[in-house]
């Protein structure tokens, strides 16, 4: 799995720790920033970069975006058409987000999750596939239609 990692200054340390672990797990990891710690950087720069990379090849790519709360990264990533980002701190909800909603960007809040808990969430999220159930497809198609209508106007 190709994974695009993003973090601002508050998520910088957790991103670097997850990057090393994900590589050890055999994933291809691309760091879209921040690549050095800067205490006044802005999360949208990095969250949007990860989301755009995922949107270019959603079947092969997933994104993990980290800031202090995770909320800002989820908000920013969800502005990119085709991206379904969710903030999660629980492995069961992470798996459900994949099964039901086919999320492709995971947002984490570094102020609220330990490295071990983040690994558990990421593991569940990466290991779970979209169910493809008709009701879930129908709902995702409704969201895609809405995105397409707004982007063409």
Foldseek 3Di string as FASTA:
>chain_A
DEEEEEEAQQCVVLRVVVVVVVVVVPYHYHYQDDPDHDPPDDQLSGLCVRLVVCQVPVVPYAYEYEYQAQVVSQVSSVVDQPAHEDEDQAQVVLQVCAQQAVHRYYTYHSNPHDSVSVVSNVVSNVVHHHNPDPVSVVVVVVVNVVVVVVVVD
